[in-house]
N, C-alpha and C. Protein backbone atom coordinates (compact mmCIF):
# COMPACT_ATOMS: atom_id res chain seq x y z
N MET A 1 213.92 77.94 143.42
CA MET A 1 214.61 76.85 142.73
C MET A 1 214.35 76.95 141.22
N PRO A 2 215.38 76.76 140.40
CA PRO A 2 215.17 76.74 138.95
C PRO A 2 214.17 75.65 138.56
N ARG A 3 213.38 75.96 137.54
CA ARG A 3 212.38 75.01 137.07
C ARG A 3 212.77 74.43 135.72
N SER A 4 212.22 73.26 135.44
CA SER A 4 212.31 72.70 134.09
C SER A 4 210.96 72.93 133.41
N ILE A 5 210.99 73.61 132.29
CA ILE A 5 209.79 73.92 131.52
C ILE A 5 209.91 73.21 130.18
N VAL A 6 208.92 72.40 129.84
CA VAL A 6 208.95 71.69 128.56
C VAL A 6 207.74 72.12 127.74
N ILE A 7 208.00 72.58 126.53
CA ILE A 7 206.96 72.96 125.57
C ILE A 7 206.89 71.84 124.54
N VAL A 8 205.73 71.18 124.48
CA VAL A 8 205.59 69.99 123.64
C VAL A 8 204.68 70.30 122.46
N GLY A 9 205.26 70.36 121.28
CA GLY A 9 204.47 70.60 120.08
C GLY A 9 203.69 69.37 119.66
N ASN A 10 202.95 69.50 118.58
CA ASN A 10 202.13 68.38 118.10
C ASN A 10 202.82 67.55 117.03
N GLY A 11 204.13 67.76 116.85
CA GLY A 11 204.89 66.92 115.94
C GLY A 11 205.34 65.63 116.61
N ALA A 12 206.11 64.85 115.89
CA ALA A 12 206.57 63.57 116.42
C ALA A 12 207.51 63.79 117.60
N VAL A 13 207.29 63.00 118.65
CA VAL A 13 208.16 63.04 119.83
C VAL A 13 208.97 61.74 119.85
N PRO A 14 210.29 61.81 119.91
CA PRO A 14 211.10 60.59 119.91
C PRO A 14 210.74 59.67 121.08
N GLU A 15 210.84 58.38 120.86
CA GLU A 15 210.60 57.42 121.94
C GLU A 15 211.61 57.65 123.06
N GLY A 16 211.16 57.43 124.27
CA GLY A 16 212.05 57.54 125.41
C GLY A 16 211.98 58.87 126.13
N LEU A 17 211.14 59.79 125.65
CA LEU A 17 211.07 61.11 126.29
C LEU A 17 209.91 61.27 127.26
N ALA A 18 208.98 60.32 127.27
CA ALA A 18 207.77 60.48 128.08
C ALA A 18 208.11 60.73 129.54
N GLY A 19 209.02 59.96 130.09
CA GLY A 19 209.37 60.12 131.50
C GLY A 19 210.01 61.46 131.79
N THR A 20 210.88 61.91 130.89
CA THR A 20 211.54 63.20 131.08
C THR A 20 210.52 64.33 131.05
N ILE A 21 209.58 64.25 130.13
CA ILE A 21 208.55 65.29 130.03
C ILE A 21 207.65 65.28 131.26
N ASP A 22 207.22 64.11 131.68
CA ASP A 22 206.33 64.04 132.84
C ASP A 22 207.02 64.48 134.13
N ALA A 23 208.33 64.44 134.16
CA ALA A 23 209.06 64.86 135.36
C ALA A 23 209.32 66.36 135.40
N ALA A 24 208.98 67.08 134.35
CA ALA A 24 209.24 68.52 134.30
C ALA A 24 208.33 69.26 135.28
N ASP A 25 208.76 70.42 135.69
CA ASP A 25 207.95 71.24 136.60
C ASP A 25 206.75 71.85 135.90
N LEU A 26 206.91 72.17 134.63
CA LEU A 26 205.83 72.81 133.88
C LEU A 26 205.81 72.24 132.47
N VAL A 27 204.67 71.72 132.06
CA VAL A 27 204.52 71.14 130.72
C VAL A 27 203.40 71.87 129.99
N ILE A 28 203.73 72.36 128.79
CA ILE A 28 202.78 73.10 127.97
C ILE A 28 202.52 72.32 126.69
N ARG A 29 201.25 72.12 126.37
CA ARG A 29 200.87 71.44 125.12
C ARG A 29 199.93 72.34 124.33
N PHE A 30 199.51 71.87 123.14
CA PHE A 30 198.77 72.71 122.22
C PHE A 30 197.48 72.06 121.74
N ASN A 31 196.44 72.86 121.67
CA ASN A 31 195.16 72.48 121.06
C ASN A 31 194.70 71.09 121.50
N GLY A 32 194.68 70.14 120.58
CA GLY A 32 194.21 68.80 120.91
C GLY A 32 195.23 67.92 121.60
N CYS A 33 196.40 68.45 121.88
CA CYS A 33 197.45 67.73 122.63
C CYS A 33 197.76 66.38 121.99
N ARG A 34 198.02 66.38 120.69
CA ARG A 34 198.32 65.13 119.99
C ARG A 34 199.62 64.49 120.48
N SER A 35 200.43 65.26 121.18
CA SER A 35 201.70 64.74 121.67
C SER A 35 201.54 63.81 122.86
N ALA A 36 200.39 63.84 123.51
CA ALA A 36 200.20 63.02 124.70
C ALA A 36 200.29 61.55 124.33
N GLY A 37 200.95 60.78 125.17
CA GLY A 37 201.23 59.37 124.92
C GLY A 37 202.72 59.20 124.77
N PRO A 38 203.24 59.17 123.53
CA PRO A 38 204.70 59.12 123.36
C PRO A 38 205.40 60.30 124.01
N GLY A 39 204.68 61.43 124.11
CA GLY A 39 205.24 62.62 124.72
C GLY A 39 204.83 62.79 126.16
N GLY A 40 204.54 61.69 126.86
CA GLY A 40 204.11 61.77 128.24
C GLY A 40 202.65 62.17 128.35
N THR A 41 202.19 62.37 129.58
CA THR A 41 200.79 62.73 129.80
C THR A 41 200.62 63.99 130.62
N LYS A 42 201.63 64.37 131.38
CA LYS A 42 201.49 65.56 132.22
C LYS A 42 201.19 66.78 131.37
N THR A 43 200.20 67.55 131.81
CA THR A 43 199.80 68.75 131.08
C THR A 43 199.39 69.81 132.09
N ASP A 44 200.19 70.83 132.22
CA ASP A 44 199.86 71.94 133.13
C ASP A 44 199.12 73.06 132.42
N ILE A 45 199.49 73.30 131.17
CA ILE A 45 198.90 74.39 130.39
C ILE A 45 198.58 73.88 129.00
N VAL A 46 197.39 74.21 128.50
CA VAL A 46 197.05 73.95 127.11
C VAL A 46 196.95 75.30 126.41
N ALA A 47 197.80 75.51 125.42
CA ALA A 47 197.78 76.73 124.62
C ALA A 47 196.90 76.47 123.40
N VAL A 48 195.93 77.33 123.18
CA VAL A 48 194.95 77.09 122.11
C VAL A 48 194.99 78.19 121.08
N CYS A 49 194.76 77.79 119.85
CA CYS A 49 194.52 78.72 118.75
C CYS A 49 193.07 79.16 118.89
N ASN A 50 192.83 80.36 119.36
CA ASN A 50 191.49 80.79 119.76
C ASN A 50 190.73 81.55 118.68
N THR A 51 191.19 81.44 117.43
CA THR A 51 190.44 82.03 116.32
C THR A 51 190.24 80.96 115.24
N GLY A 52 189.24 81.19 114.41
CA GLY A 52 189.03 80.34 113.25
C GLY A 52 188.53 78.95 113.55
N ARG A 53 188.63 78.09 112.55
CA ARG A 53 188.08 76.75 112.64
C ARG A 53 188.66 75.89 113.75
N PRO A 54 189.99 75.95 114.01
CA PRO A 54 190.51 75.13 115.12
C PRO A 54 189.82 75.44 116.45
N ALA A 55 189.59 76.72 116.72
CA ALA A 55 188.91 77.09 117.96
C ALA A 55 187.49 76.59 117.98
N LEU A 56 186.79 76.76 116.88
CA LEU A 56 185.40 76.32 116.81
C LEU A 56 185.28 74.83 117.02
N GLU A 57 186.21 74.07 116.42
CA GLU A 57 186.18 72.61 116.58
C GLU A 57 186.44 72.19 118.02
N MET A 58 187.38 72.88 118.71
CA MET A 58 187.66 72.52 120.09
C MET A 58 186.46 72.78 121.00
N LEU A 59 185.78 73.89 120.77
CA LEU A 59 184.68 74.28 121.67
C LEU A 59 183.39 73.54 121.35
N ALA A 60 183.22 73.06 120.12
CA ALA A 60 181.99 72.36 119.75
C ALA A 60 181.96 70.98 120.38
N GLY A 61 180.83 70.60 120.91
CA GLY A 61 180.71 69.28 121.54
C GLY A 61 181.55 69.19 122.79
N GLY A 62 181.88 67.96 123.20
CA GLY A 62 182.60 67.80 124.46
C GLY A 62 183.89 67.03 124.37
N ARG A 63 184.30 66.65 123.16
CA ARG A 63 185.47 65.77 123.04
C ARG A 63 186.74 66.45 123.54
N TRP A 64 187.01 67.69 123.10
CA TRP A 64 188.21 68.39 123.55
C TRP A 64 188.12 68.69 125.03
N LYS A 65 186.98 69.18 125.49
CA LYS A 65 186.82 69.58 126.88
C LYS A 65 186.97 68.39 127.83
N ALA A 66 186.58 67.21 127.37
CA ALA A 66 186.62 66.03 128.23
C ALA A 66 187.91 65.23 128.10
N SER A 67 188.83 65.66 127.24
CA SER A 67 190.05 64.88 127.05
C SER A 67 190.90 64.87 128.32
N ALA A 68 191.67 63.82 128.48
CA ALA A 68 192.46 63.66 129.71
C ALA A 68 193.47 64.78 129.89
N THR A 69 194.05 65.25 128.80
CA THR A 69 195.05 66.31 128.92
C THR A 69 194.40 67.62 129.33
N VAL A 70 193.30 67.96 128.72
CA VAL A 70 192.64 69.22 129.06
C VAL A 70 192.09 69.17 130.48
N ARG A 71 191.58 68.03 130.89
CA ARG A 71 191.03 67.92 132.25
C ARG A 71 192.06 68.19 133.32
N GLN A 72 193.32 67.81 133.07
CA GLN A 72 194.33 68.01 134.12
C GLN A 72 195.01 69.36 134.05
N ALA A 73 194.85 70.08 132.93
CA ALA A 73 195.50 71.38 132.80
C ALA A 73 194.90 72.38 133.78
N ARG A 74 195.76 73.18 134.39
CA ARG A 74 195.26 74.19 135.33
C ARG A 74 195.09 75.55 134.66
N GLU A 75 195.66 75.70 133.44
CA GLU A 75 195.54 76.96 132.73
C GLU A 75 195.27 76.70 131.25
N ILE A 76 194.51 77.62 130.65
CA ILE A 76 194.32 77.66 129.21
C ILE A 76 194.92 78.98 128.72
N TRP A 77 195.81 78.88 127.74
CA TRP A 77 196.38 80.09 127.15
C TRP A 77 195.80 80.29 125.76
N CYS A 78 195.25 81.47 125.49
CA CYS A 78 194.85 81.85 124.14
C CYS A 78 196.03 82.57 123.49
N VAL A 79 196.44 82.12 122.32
CA VAL A 79 197.66 82.66 121.72
C VAL A 79 197.41 83.89 120.84
N ARG A 80 196.15 84.24 120.63
CA ARG A 80 195.83 85.36 119.73
C ARG A 80 194.93 86.37 120.43
N THR A 81 195.21 87.66 120.20
CA THR A 81 194.39 88.72 120.80
C THR A 81 193.32 89.15 119.82
N ALA A 82 192.11 89.37 120.34
CA ALA A 82 190.98 89.72 119.48
C ALA A 82 191.25 90.99 118.69
N GLU A 83 191.85 92.00 119.34
CA GLU A 83 192.07 93.28 118.67
C GLU A 83 193.03 93.14 117.49
N MET A 84 194.10 92.40 117.69
CA MET A 84 195.10 92.24 116.64
C MET A 84 194.51 91.52 115.43
N PHE A 85 193.72 90.48 115.69
CA PHE A 85 193.17 89.71 114.58
C PHE A 85 191.99 90.42 113.92
N ALA A 86 191.27 91.24 114.67
CA ALA A 86 190.23 92.07 114.05
C ALA A 86 190.85 93.03 113.05
N ALA A 87 192.04 93.57 113.39
CA ALA A 87 192.72 94.48 112.48
C ALA A 87 193.23 93.77 111.23
N MET A 88 193.46 92.47 111.32
CA MET A 88 193.97 91.70 110.19
C MET A 88 192.87 91.32 109.21
N ARG A 89 191.61 91.42 109.64
CA ARG A 89 190.51 90.87 108.84
C ARG A 89 190.43 91.51 107.45
N ALA A 90 190.42 92.84 107.37
CA ALA A 90 190.27 93.51 106.06
C ALA A 90 191.44 93.23 105.13
N PRO A 91 192.71 93.34 105.60
CA PRO A 91 193.82 93.00 104.69
C PRO A 91 193.78 91.56 104.21
N LEU A 92 193.42 90.64 105.09
CA LEU A 92 193.36 89.23 104.69
C LEU A 92 192.25 88.97 103.70
N ALA A 93 191.17 89.73 103.77
CA ALA A 93 190.08 89.56 102.81
C ALA A 93 190.55 89.83 101.39
N VAL A 94 191.59 90.66 101.27
CA VAL A 94 192.16 90.97 99.96
C VAL A 94 193.25 89.98 99.58
N SER A 95 194.17 89.73 100.51
CA SER A 95 195.35 88.91 100.19
C SER A 95 195.06 87.41 100.26
N HIS A 96 194.16 87.01 101.16
CA HIS A 96 193.85 85.59 101.35
C HIS A 96 192.33 85.42 101.52
N PRO A 97 191.57 85.63 100.45
CA PRO A 97 190.10 85.58 100.58
C PRO A 97 189.57 84.22 101.04
N ASP A 98 190.38 83.18 100.90
CA ASP A 98 189.94 81.85 101.34
C ASP A 98 190.00 81.71 102.86
N LEU A 99 190.58 82.69 103.55
CA LEU A 99 190.68 82.62 105.01
C LEU A 99 189.61 83.50 105.65
N GLY A 100 188.40 83.40 105.14
CA GLY A 100 187.33 84.27 105.59
C GLY A 100 187.00 84.17 107.06
N ASP A 101 187.20 82.99 107.66
CA ASP A 101 186.85 82.83 109.08
C ASP A 101 188.10 82.82 109.98
N PHE A 102 189.25 83.12 109.41
CA PHE A 102 190.51 82.99 110.15
C PHE A 102 190.55 83.90 111.37
N CYS A 103 189.94 85.07 111.28
CA CYS A 103 190.01 86.05 112.37
C CYS A 103 188.80 85.99 113.31
N ASP A 104 187.89 85.05 113.09
CA ASP A 104 186.75 84.91 114.00
C ASP A 104 187.27 84.54 115.38
N ASP A 105 186.92 85.32 116.38
CA ASP A 105 187.49 85.18 117.72
C ASP A 105 186.55 84.38 118.63
N TYR A 106 187.12 83.37 119.30
CA TYR A 106 186.35 82.52 120.20
C TYR A 106 186.91 82.56 121.63
N THR A 107 187.59 83.64 121.96
CA THR A 107 188.15 83.75 123.30
C THR A 107 187.07 83.63 124.36
N ALA A 108 185.91 84.22 124.12
CA ALA A 108 184.82 84.17 125.11
C ALA A 108 184.42 82.73 125.42
N GLY A 109 184.45 81.87 124.42
CA GLY A 109 184.11 80.47 124.66
C GLY A 109 185.12 79.77 125.55
N PHE A 110 186.40 80.05 125.32
CA PHE A 110 187.43 79.47 126.18
C PHE A 110 187.37 80.06 127.59
N GLN A 111 187.05 81.35 127.68
CA GLN A 111 186.91 81.98 128.99
C GLN A 111 185.77 81.34 129.77
N ALA A 112 184.65 81.10 129.10
CA ALA A 112 183.51 80.47 129.77
C ALA A 112 183.86 79.06 130.24
N PHE A 113 184.55 78.30 129.40
CA PHE A 113 184.95 76.95 129.78
C PHE A 113 185.90 76.99 130.98
N ALA A 114 186.87 77.89 130.94
CA ALA A 114 187.82 78.00 132.05
C ALA A 114 187.11 78.39 133.34
N SER A 115 186.18 79.31 133.24
CA SER A 115 185.46 79.78 134.43
C SER A 115 184.63 78.66 135.05
N VAL A 116 183.92 77.94 134.22
CA VAL A 116 183.05 76.87 134.72
C VAL A 116 183.85 75.75 135.34
N THR A 117 185.03 75.48 134.82
CA THR A 117 185.83 74.34 135.29
C THR A 117 186.93 74.73 136.28
N GLY A 118 186.96 75.98 136.68
CA GLY A 118 187.93 76.41 137.70
C GLY A 118 189.35 76.53 137.20
N ARG A 119 189.51 76.81 135.94
CA ARG A 119 190.85 77.00 135.38
C ARG A 119 191.12 78.49 135.16
N ARG A 120 192.38 78.82 135.09
CA ARG A 120 192.78 80.20 134.78
C ARG A 120 192.91 80.33 133.28
N LEU A 121 192.39 81.41 132.72
CA LEU A 121 192.58 81.69 131.31
C LEU A 121 193.50 82.90 131.16
N ALA A 122 194.49 82.78 130.30
CA ALA A 122 195.41 83.88 130.02
C ALA A 122 195.49 84.08 128.52
N ILE A 123 195.74 85.31 128.11
CA ILE A 123 195.89 85.64 126.69
C ILE A 123 197.33 86.11 126.48
N VAL A 124 198.02 85.47 125.56
CA VAL A 124 199.40 85.87 125.26
C VAL A 124 199.37 87.30 124.73
N PRO A 125 200.15 88.21 125.30
CA PRO A 125 200.10 89.62 124.88
C PRO A 125 200.40 89.81 123.40
N ALA A 126 199.69 90.75 122.80
CA ALA A 126 199.89 91.03 121.38
C ALA A 126 201.32 91.46 121.10
N GLU A 127 201.97 92.09 122.06
CA GLU A 127 203.33 92.55 121.85
C GLU A 127 204.30 91.39 121.59
N VAL A 128 204.01 90.21 122.15
CA VAL A 128 204.84 89.04 121.88
C VAL A 128 204.79 88.73 120.39
N HIS A 129 203.59 88.74 119.83
CA HIS A 129 203.41 88.46 118.40
C HIS A 129 204.12 89.53 117.56
N ARG A 130 203.95 90.79 117.93
CA ARG A 130 204.55 91.88 117.15
C ARG A 130 206.08 91.80 117.16
N ARG A 131 206.65 91.55 118.35
CA ARG A 131 208.11 91.46 118.42
C ARG A 131 208.62 90.24 117.66
N LEU A 132 207.83 89.18 117.66
CA LEU A 132 208.22 87.98 116.94
C LEU A 132 208.25 88.24 115.44
N ASP A 133 207.26 88.96 114.93
CA ASP A 133 207.28 89.32 113.51
C ASP A 133 208.54 90.08 113.16
N LEU A 134 208.94 91.01 114.02
CA LEU A 134 210.16 91.79 113.77
C LEU A 134 211.40 90.89 113.79
N SER A 135 211.44 89.97 114.73
CA SER A 135 212.59 89.06 114.82
C SER A 135 212.67 88.13 113.62
N LEU A 136 211.52 87.63 113.18
CA LEU A 136 211.50 86.71 112.04
C LEU A 136 211.96 87.39 110.75
N ALA A 137 211.77 88.70 110.67
CA ALA A 137 212.17 89.42 109.46
C ALA A 137 213.65 89.27 109.18
N ALA A 138 214.44 89.06 110.23
CA ALA A 138 215.89 88.89 110.05
C ALA A 138 216.22 87.63 109.25
N PHE A 139 215.28 86.68 109.19
CA PHE A 139 215.52 85.42 108.48
C PHE A 139 214.86 85.41 107.11
N VAL A 140 214.37 86.57 106.67
CA VAL A 140 213.79 86.76 105.34
C VAL A 140 212.78 85.64 105.02
N PRO A 141 211.71 85.57 105.78
CA PRO A 141 210.74 84.50 105.52
C PRO A 141 209.97 84.72 104.22
N GLU A 142 209.48 83.64 103.66
CA GLU A 142 208.52 83.75 102.57
C GLU A 142 207.27 84.45 103.10
N PRO A 143 206.44 85.03 102.21
CA PRO A 143 205.21 85.67 102.70
C PRO A 143 204.40 84.71 103.58
N TYR A 144 203.94 85.22 104.72
CA TYR A 144 203.19 84.39 105.65
C TYR A 144 202.07 85.20 106.28
N VAL A 145 201.17 84.51 106.97
CA VAL A 145 200.04 85.18 107.61
C VAL A 145 200.36 85.47 109.07
N VAL A 146 200.70 84.44 109.82
CA VAL A 146 201.05 84.61 111.24
C VAL A 146 202.09 83.57 111.62
N PRO A 147 202.89 83.84 112.65
CA PRO A 147 203.74 82.78 113.19
C PRO A 147 202.86 81.67 113.77
N SER A 148 203.43 80.49 113.89
CA SER A 148 202.68 79.37 114.46
C SER A 148 202.41 79.61 115.95
N SER A 149 201.36 78.95 116.44
CA SER A 149 201.06 79.03 117.88
C SER A 149 202.25 78.55 118.70
N GLY A 150 202.93 77.53 118.20
CA GLY A 150 204.08 77.01 118.92
C GLY A 150 205.15 78.05 119.12
N LEU A 151 205.47 78.81 118.06
CA LEU A 151 206.52 79.80 118.18
C LEU A 151 206.09 80.96 119.08
N ILE A 152 204.83 81.35 118.99
CA ILE A 152 204.33 82.42 119.85
C ILE A 152 204.46 82.02 121.31
N VAL A 153 204.14 80.77 121.62
CA VAL A 153 204.25 80.32 123.02
C VAL A 153 205.71 80.24 123.45
N ILE A 154 206.58 79.76 122.59
CA ILE A 154 208.01 79.72 122.94
C ILE A 154 208.49 81.13 123.27
N ALA A 155 208.15 82.09 122.41
CA ALA A 155 208.58 83.47 122.65
C ALA A 155 207.99 84.02 123.94
N HIS A 156 206.74 83.72 124.21
CA HIS A 156 206.07 84.18 125.44
C HIS A 156 206.75 83.60 126.68
N VAL A 157 207.07 82.32 126.63
CA VAL A 157 207.74 81.69 127.77
C VAL A 157 209.10 82.33 128.01
N LEU A 158 209.86 82.53 126.95
CA LEU A 158 211.19 83.13 127.11
C LEU A 158 211.11 84.57 127.62
N GLU A 159 210.11 85.31 127.15
CA GLU A 159 210.00 86.73 127.53
C GLU A 159 209.36 86.93 128.89
N ASN A 160 208.32 86.14 129.20
CA ASN A 160 207.46 86.49 130.33
C ASN A 160 207.27 85.41 131.40
N ILE A 161 207.67 84.19 131.13
CA ILE A 161 207.39 83.11 132.07
C ILE A 161 208.65 82.57 132.72
N ALA A 162 209.65 82.24 131.93
CA ALA A 162 210.87 81.63 132.47
C ALA A 162 211.65 82.66 133.29
N ALA A 163 212.13 82.23 134.44
CA ALA A 163 212.97 83.07 135.29
C ALA A 163 214.42 82.68 135.08
N ALA A 164 215.32 83.49 135.60
CA ALA A 164 216.75 83.19 135.49
C ALA A 164 217.03 81.82 136.09
N GLY A 165 217.74 81.00 135.35
CA GLY A 165 218.08 79.66 135.81
C GLY A 165 217.13 78.58 135.36
N ASP A 166 215.93 78.95 134.92
CA ASP A 166 214.99 77.94 134.42
C ASP A 166 215.51 77.34 133.12
N ARG A 167 215.24 76.06 132.95
CA ARG A 167 215.60 75.39 131.70
C ARG A 167 214.34 75.25 130.85
N VAL A 168 214.38 75.78 129.63
CA VAL A 168 213.24 75.70 128.72
C VAL A 168 213.61 74.74 127.59
N SER A 169 212.85 73.67 127.48
CA SER A 169 213.15 72.61 126.51
C SER A 169 211.98 72.42 125.56
N LEU A 170 212.30 71.93 124.36
CA LEU A 170 211.30 71.68 123.33
C LEU A 170 211.27 70.20 122.97
N ALA A 171 210.10 69.73 122.65
CA ALA A 171 209.92 68.39 122.07
C ALA A 171 208.72 68.47 121.13
N GLY A 172 208.72 67.64 120.09
CA GLY A 172 207.58 67.62 119.19
C GLY A 172 207.49 68.81 118.25
N PHE A 173 208.61 69.44 117.95
CA PHE A 173 208.62 70.57 117.02
C PHE A 173 209.39 70.18 115.75
N GLY A 174 208.65 69.90 114.68
CA GLY A 174 209.27 69.59 113.40
C GLY A 174 209.35 70.79 112.48
N HIS A 175 208.71 71.90 112.89
CA HIS A 175 208.70 73.13 112.10
C HIS A 175 208.18 72.89 110.69
N GLU A 176 207.02 72.28 110.63
CA GLU A 176 206.34 72.07 109.36
C GLU A 176 204.85 71.99 109.62
N GLY A 177 204.06 72.26 108.59
CA GLY A 177 202.62 72.23 108.76
C GLY A 177 201.94 73.22 107.83
N TRP A 178 201.02 74.01 108.38
CA TRP A 178 200.20 74.92 107.60
C TRP A 178 201.05 75.84 106.73
N GLN A 179 200.65 75.98 105.49
CA GLN A 179 201.48 76.69 104.50
C GLN A 179 201.68 78.17 104.82
N TRP A 180 200.80 78.77 105.62
CA TRP A 180 200.91 80.20 105.88
C TRP A 180 201.58 80.53 107.20
N HIS A 181 202.27 79.56 107.80
CA HIS A 181 203.20 79.82 108.89
C HIS A 181 204.62 79.84 108.29
N PRO A 182 205.51 80.69 108.78
CA PRO A 182 206.86 80.79 108.20
C PRO A 182 207.82 79.78 108.83
N PHE A 183 207.61 78.50 108.56
CA PHE A 183 208.30 77.46 109.32
C PHE A 183 209.82 77.47 109.12
N ALA A 184 210.30 77.76 107.92
CA ALA A 184 211.76 77.78 107.72
C ALA A 184 212.39 78.87 108.58
N ALA A 185 211.78 80.04 108.61
CA ALA A 185 212.29 81.12 109.45
C ALA A 185 212.13 80.79 110.93
N GLU A 186 211.04 80.12 111.28
CA GLU A 186 210.82 79.74 112.67
C GLU A 186 211.91 78.79 113.15
N ARG A 187 212.27 77.85 112.30
CA ARG A 187 213.34 76.92 112.68
C ARG A 187 214.64 77.68 112.96
N ARG A 188 214.96 78.63 112.10
CA ARG A 188 216.19 79.40 112.29
C ARG A 188 216.11 80.25 113.56
N TRP A 189 214.94 80.81 113.85
CA TRP A 189 214.73 81.58 115.08
C TRP A 189 214.99 80.72 116.31
N VAL A 190 214.45 79.51 116.29
CA VAL A 190 214.64 78.58 117.42
C VAL A 190 216.11 78.18 117.54
N GLU A 191 216.73 77.83 116.42
CA GLU A 191 218.12 77.38 116.47
C GLU A 191 219.04 78.50 116.97
N GLU A 192 218.72 79.73 116.64
CA GLU A 192 219.53 80.85 117.13
C GLU A 192 219.47 80.92 118.66
N ARG A 193 218.31 80.69 119.23
CA ARG A 193 218.17 80.75 120.68
C ARG A 193 218.73 79.51 121.36
N ILE A 194 218.72 78.39 120.66
CA ILE A 194 219.40 77.21 121.20
C ILE A 194 220.90 77.46 121.26
N ALA A 195 221.45 78.05 120.20
CA ALA A 195 222.88 78.36 120.17
C ALA A 195 223.27 79.35 121.26
N ALA A 196 222.33 80.22 121.62
CA ALA A 196 222.59 81.22 122.66
C ALA A 196 222.38 80.65 124.07
N GLY A 197 221.94 79.39 124.16
CA GLY A 197 221.74 78.76 125.46
C GLY A 197 220.42 79.10 126.13
N ARG A 198 219.49 79.67 125.39
CA ARG A 198 218.20 80.03 126.00
C ARG A 198 217.19 78.91 125.89
N LEU A 199 217.41 77.98 124.98
CA LEU A 199 216.51 76.85 124.73
C LEU A 199 217.33 75.61 124.51
N ASP A 200 216.68 74.44 124.62
CA ASP A 200 217.30 73.22 124.13
C ASP A 200 216.21 72.29 123.64
N ARG A 201 216.61 71.32 122.84
CA ARG A 201 215.69 70.28 122.40
C ARG A 201 215.96 69.03 123.22
N LEU A 202 214.87 68.39 123.66
CA LEU A 202 215.04 67.16 124.44
C LEU A 202 215.43 66.01 123.53
N HIS A 203 216.35 65.19 124.00
CA HIS A 203 216.75 63.99 123.28
C HIS A 203 216.60 62.80 124.23
N PRO A 204 216.26 61.62 123.67
CA PRO A 204 216.11 60.45 124.55
C PRO A 204 217.40 60.14 125.30
N PRO A 205 217.27 59.60 126.50
CA PRO A 205 218.47 59.21 127.24
C PRO A 205 219.29 58.19 126.45
N ALA A 206 220.59 58.26 126.58
CA ALA A 206 221.45 57.31 125.87
C ALA A 206 221.19 55.92 126.40
């Protein structure tokens, strides 16, 4: 049977979508799952930024691990591969010296948490990131460091998770945030796939 897959970003979610999101077959959220509440509560997968300060903050203490969304998730996805980010360290030290800890990898910490709590841990393949960089080049982005975790997960779902007939929907994606993500190009990438019928954005019921 075709599935409904909803990817919920950490941006604003319009009122009236909580029920639609919670009724989906598969719901994916990010990091601290700020979308939970107005964006429903169901959480099957939490995709995490597993390098740098965001990863360190999630793993430190127990607040993230004990949150209601993380507790119900059956899978944790790491969106970055250690090898790819290790290769980025030296170039970034020259181009972005203020990002000294950006490539610090904490995948082992998420793996340990998943193992202890009986969850599956998966790492988004590096090839998804590489192909995404090539695709984004068509939109002539301003200089950037990496695509956002949200876009990497969208690309991963379209390439490797969604089957023929599945509906993949987005909510909570404003395409804005950290200055070193190529958000203008990301928006165009998403809109191109919406126009092709591969994605849609959820809207509140009339």
